[in-house]
Each structure stands twice: as C-alpha cells, then as structure tokens.
Protein backbone atom coordinates (compact mmCIF):
# COMPACT_ATOMS: atom_id res chain seq x y z
CA MET A 1 0.22 0.26 0.28
CA LYS A 2 2.85 2.50 0.87
CA ASN A 3 4.40 1.59 -2.57
CA LEU A 4 1.07 2.39 -4.23
CA PHE A 5 0.74 5.61 -2.51
CA LEU A 6 4.49 6.23 -3.84
CA VAL A 7 3.47 5.66 -7.24
CA ILE A 8 0.14 7.55 -7.28
CA THR A 9 2.21 10.54 -5.63
CA ALA A 10 5.28 10.39 -8.22
CA LEU A 11 2.56 10.48 -10.76
CA ILE A 12 0.67 13.58 -9.49
CA LEU A 13 4.08 15.04 -9.25
CA THR A 14 5.38 14.26 -12.86
CA VAL A 15 1.99 15.60 -14.29
CA GLY A 16 1.99 18.14 -12.24
CA VAL A 17 5.80 19.37 -13.13
CA SER A 18 5.06 18.73 -16.95
CA HIS A 19 2.28 21.17 -16.96
CA ALA A 20 3.76 23.45 -15.29
CA GLN A 21 6.66 23.88 -17.52
CA THR A 22 4.63 23.72 -20.83
CA THR A 23 2.34 26.78 -19.18
CA PRO A 24 4.57 29.90 -19.11
CA ASN A 25 6.06 28.70 -22.69
CA GLN A 26 3.02 28.94 -24.82
CA ALA A 27 0.38 31.94 -25.48
CA LYS A 28 -2.76 30.91 -26.86
CA VAL A 29 -4.85 33.24 -29.03
CA LYS A 30 -8.42 32.97 -30.81
CA VAL A 31 -8.31 34.22 -34.36
CA ASN A 32 -11.93 34.61 -35.48
CA ILE A 33 -12.86 36.05 -39.42
CA GLU A 34 -16.06 37.33 -39.99
CA LEU A 35 -17.62 37.29 -43.89
CA ASN A 36 -20.30 39.40 -44.21
CA PRO A 37 -22.18 39.84 -47.04
CA PHE A 38 -22.12 43.15 -49.16
CA GLN A 39 -22.96 44.67 -52.52
CA THR A 40 -21.70 47.47 -54.56
CA ILE A 41 -22.46 48.77 -58.06
CA GLU A 42 -20.77 51.78 -59.53
CA ILE A 43 -20.11 53.06 -63.48
CA GLY A 44 -18.16 50.25 -65.20
CA SER A 45 -14.98 50.19 -67.47
CA GLY A 46 -17.50 51.06 -70.72
CA ALA A 47 -18.43 54.61 -69.53
CA GLY A 48 -17.60 57.87 -71.38
CA THR A 49 -17.22 56.12 -74.46
CA ASN A 50 -19.84 57.97 -75.84
CA GLY A 51 -18.55 61.31 -75.46
CA ALA A 52 -18.77 64.29 -72.92
CA ILE A 53 -20.11 63.64 -69.40
CA THR A 54 -22.34 66.29 -67.57
CA THR A 55 -20.35 66.90 -63.79
CA GLY A 56 -22.17 64.89 -61.32
CA TYR A 57 -22.90 62.13 -63.77
CA GLY A 58 -20.96 58.74 -64.12
CA ASP A 59 -22.18 58.68 -67.76
CA GLU A 60 -24.24 60.09 -70.34
CA LEU A 61 -25.55 58.87 -73.89
CA THR A 62 -28.06 60.60 -75.84
CA LEU A 63 -30.50 58.65 -78.42
CA GLU A 64 -30.80 60.72 -81.70
CA TYR A 65 -34.03 60.49 -83.99
CA LYS A 66 -32.22 61.64 -87.65
CA SER A 67 -34.35 59.43 -90.06
CA ALA A 68 -38.01 58.15 -91.05
CA ASP A 69 -36.49 54.84 -90.25
CA ASP A 70 -35.48 56.00 -86.67
CA TYR A 71 -39.17 57.22 -86.11
CA LYS A 72 -40.79 54.15 -87.55
CA LYS A 73 -38.42 51.74 -85.82
CA GLY A 74 -36.70 53.45 -82.60
CA VAL A 75 -33.16 54.02 -81.90
CA GLU A 76 -31.50 52.44 -79.77
CA LYS A 77 -27.44 52.80 -78.31
CA ASN A 78 -25.80 49.42 -76.68
CA VAL A 79 -23.50 50.54 -73.85
CA LEU A 80 -20.77 47.72 -73.31
CA LYS A 81 -19.42 47.37 -69.56
CA GLN A 82 -21.54 50.15 -68.41
CA LEU A 83 -21.80 48.92 -64.83
CA LYS A 84 -19.84 46.94 -62.32
CA VAL A 85 -21.77 44.97 -59.57
CA THR A 86 -20.06 43.18 -56.54
CA SER A 87 -22.40 40.75 -54.40
CA VAL A 88 -21.08 38.66 -51.78
CA GLY A 89 -23.30 36.54 -50.39
CA SER A 90 -25.97 36.17 -52.99
CA GLY A 91 -27.23 36.72 -56.07
CA TYR A 92 -28.36 40.20 -56.82
CA LYS A 93 -31.06 42.43 -58.89
CA ILE A 94 -30.31 45.55 -60.99
CA LEU A 95 -32.95 48.15 -59.65
CA ALA A 96 -33.66 51.48 -61.33
CA THR A 97 -35.50 54.96 -60.18
CA LEU A 98 -36.41 57.07 -62.91
CA SER A 99 -36.18 61.14 -61.99
CA ASP A 100 -39.12 63.22 -61.59
CA ASN A 101 -41.75 60.21 -61.11
CA ALA A 102 -40.35 58.88 -65.02
CA GLN A 103 -40.91 62.38 -66.65
CA PHE A 104 -38.50 63.56 -68.97
CA ASN A 105 -38.08 66.85 -69.04
CA LYS A 106 -37.74 69.37 -72.07
CA VAL A 107 -34.01 70.94 -71.87
CA ASN A 108 -35.11 72.96 -75.39
CA GLY A 109 -37.31 72.96 -77.81
CA SER A 110 -40.77 74.12 -78.74
CA GLY A 111 -42.44 70.40 -77.22
CA ASP A 112 -44.39 69.75 -74.10
CA ALA A 113 -42.50 70.50 -70.78
CA LYS A 114 -42.80 67.05 -69.52
CA VAL A 115 -43.11 63.43 -71.22
CA ASP A 116 -44.03 60.19 -69.83
CA ALA A 117 -40.95 58.06 -70.10
CA SER A 118 -43.00 54.96 -71.06
CA GLN A 119 -43.78 56.50 -74.14
CA LEU A 120 -40.01 57.33 -75.08
CA LEU A 121 -37.71 54.94 -73.43
CA LYS A 122 -36.84 50.97 -72.93
CA ILE A 123 -34.18 49.82 -70.98
CA ALA A 124 -32.40 46.33 -70.43
CA VAL A 125 -29.41 45.23 -68.71
CA GLY A 126 -27.25 42.50 -69.09
CA ASN A 127 -28.95 39.62 -70.80
CA LYS A 128 -32.17 40.62 -69.53
CA SER A 129 -35.58 42.00 -71.72
CA SER A 130 -36.03 45.57 -72.50
CA MET A 131 -38.77 46.98 -70.29
CA ASP A 132 -40.63 50.04 -70.63
CA ALA A 133 -39.59 52.91 -68.66
CA ALA A 134 -40.91 53.38 -65.39
CA ALA A 135 -40.84 55.46 -61.93
CA SER A 136 -39.48 52.35 -60.41
CA MET A 137 -38.05 49.31 -62.48
CA ASP A 138 -37.00 45.69 -61.41
CA LEU A 139 -34.55 45.23 -64.16
CA GLY A 140 -34.12 41.36 -63.68
CA SER A 141 -32.45 38.80 -61.25
CA PHE A 142 -28.63 37.86 -61.74
CA GLY A 143 -26.94 34.45 -60.44
CA THR A 144 -29.07 31.39 -60.06
CA THR A 145 -30.08 31.20 -56.30
CA SER A 146 -29.88 33.72 -53.48
CA GLY A 147 -26.77 31.92 -51.62
CA ALA A 148 -23.18 32.58 -51.77
CA GLU A 149 -22.49 30.16 -54.84
CA SER A 150 -24.21 33.01 -56.76
CA SER A 151 -21.51 35.88 -55.48
CA VAL A 152 -19.53 37.95 -57.97
CA PHE A 153 -17.17 40.34 -58.26
CA ASP A 154 -16.80 43.36 -60.48
CA GLN A 155 -19.05 41.84 -62.75
CA GLU A 156 -19.40 44.11 -65.92
CA LEU A 157 -22.96 44.23 -67.31
CA ASP A 158 -24.01 46.04 -70.99
CA VAL A 159 -26.95 48.31 -70.46
CA LYS A 160 -29.13 48.51 -73.88
CA TYR A 161 -31.21 52.01 -74.32
CA THR A 162 -34.16 52.04 -76.91
CA GLY A 163 -35.81 54.93 -78.00
CA LYS A 164 -39.15 53.84 -79.22
CA ALA A 165 -40.88 53.85 -82.50
CA ILE A 166 -42.80 57.64 -82.36
CA THR A 167 -45.10 57.30 -85.42
CA ASP A 168 -48.28 58.72 -83.16
CA VAL A 169 -49.26 61.77 -84.39
CA ASN A 170 -50.39 62.99 -81.01
CA LEU A 171 -46.83 61.84 -79.46
CA LEU A 172 -44.76 63.92 -82.27
CA LYS A 173 -47.13 66.77 -81.36
CA LYS A 174 -46.17 66.77 -77.70
CA VAL A 175 -42.20 66.16 -78.25
CA LEU A 176 -41.71 68.30 -81.29
CA ASN A 177 -44.51 70.87 -82.37
CA ASP A 178 -42.16 73.18 -84.56
CA LYS A 179 -39.18 73.08 -86.92
CA THR A 180 -36.74 73.52 -84.54
CA GLN A 181 -35.10 70.39 -82.71
CA ALA A 182 -36.16 68.95 -79.59
CA LYS A 183 -34.05 67.98 -76.73
CA TYR A 184 -35.35 65.78 -73.50
CA SER A 185 -33.43 64.59 -70.75
CA ILE A 186 -34.25 62.31 -67.77
CA ASP A 187 -31.94 60.63 -64.94
CA VAL A 188 -31.91 57.19 -64.61
CA VAL A 189 -30.30 55.72 -60.94
CA TYR A 190 -29.30 52.14 -60.51
CA THR A 191 -29.19 50.22 -57.30
CA ILE A 192 -28.40 46.49 -56.41
CA ALA A 193 -30.45 44.49 -54.11
CA ALA A 194 -30.01 40.96 -52.77
CA ASN A 195 -31.75 38.13 -54.87
C-alpha cells in the first residue's frame, strides 16, 4: 500500500511538473474571421465612350432620331460594360429609379415641358429583356440562387437603351411641335439588391 501511494504521488508530481513547465512557455490566441455579405454597384469601364459627360454623372448618352427609319423603328444604343457590380453572399438584382416620377423634362425646343418616359424609352441590363421606362424598375435577377454560390466580383454588365418608335401623331405633337430640334432629358439611378 505504501508503494502504491508512492507511485500515485510520483505520477501526480510528474504530471504537475510537466504541465507547469509547458504553461508559461505558450500563448494562446483565438482568431476569428467574419465574412459579411455586401453589394456594390458603380459605373463600369464602358462609361464615357459615348462622348462628354455632364458633371455629377457617371455616364451620359443621347438617343438621336435623324431619319424616317429612326422614327418608324426606334433607335438604340448598347453601352458595353456600363455597370460594374459586386455581390458577396448572394445573387443580385438590378433596380432603376427614374427622376421626376418617370417624366422626361424638356431641355430645349418647343414641345411639351414633360413627357412620360414610358412613351419614349426602354431599358435592358445584361441579357435581360427590355422594359418600358417607369418610375421604379426591377431590371432582372442575376445569379441562379440567393446563396453565396452566386457571388460575383466586379462583374461588368452591358446596358441597352432603346428610344421607342414614334409614329403616333399625338406623341409627335407633344415632343416636336415646331421646326426646331427638341431635346428631353431624364436621370436613371441604378441600385443593387439581394436576389
């Protein structure tokens, strides 16, 4: 029994000594990594290829009607890589808001002071279908799911602007009722949201 007591005491001292020797020689640090979902949208590398840009805007373009075909068929410009998006943690959708409750404002000419944008403009982003202009627009979802597997970094998207056919005489009177050029303008503000 005395031998058993000595063996147990020796074991306790050995474990205690070895534990005491390692504790002062180590430092334990816990490292955490937090991965937060986020989304950004900005003007892409295709901006500015259409000419001068008014101060305060990321890009600017003009749709010009110059011929009978332009009025009969409409006009369009496809701005390559106009938008650049990053969406971490989910797929995303592109939204657009048009200024003045989706009313084009006359800049010069003798037409009406305001014209409903849905009569004149369609917009499409990426490979999505064109939509008639409206005050608030959901221009489509990108990414097959709302999960992280649909994340993208710096994805550049083309935007197609279509000036609709203008053959309705009443609409022509609204926008162009004199022999002078008429110019109308509207702001399109793009935002990104989770899919």
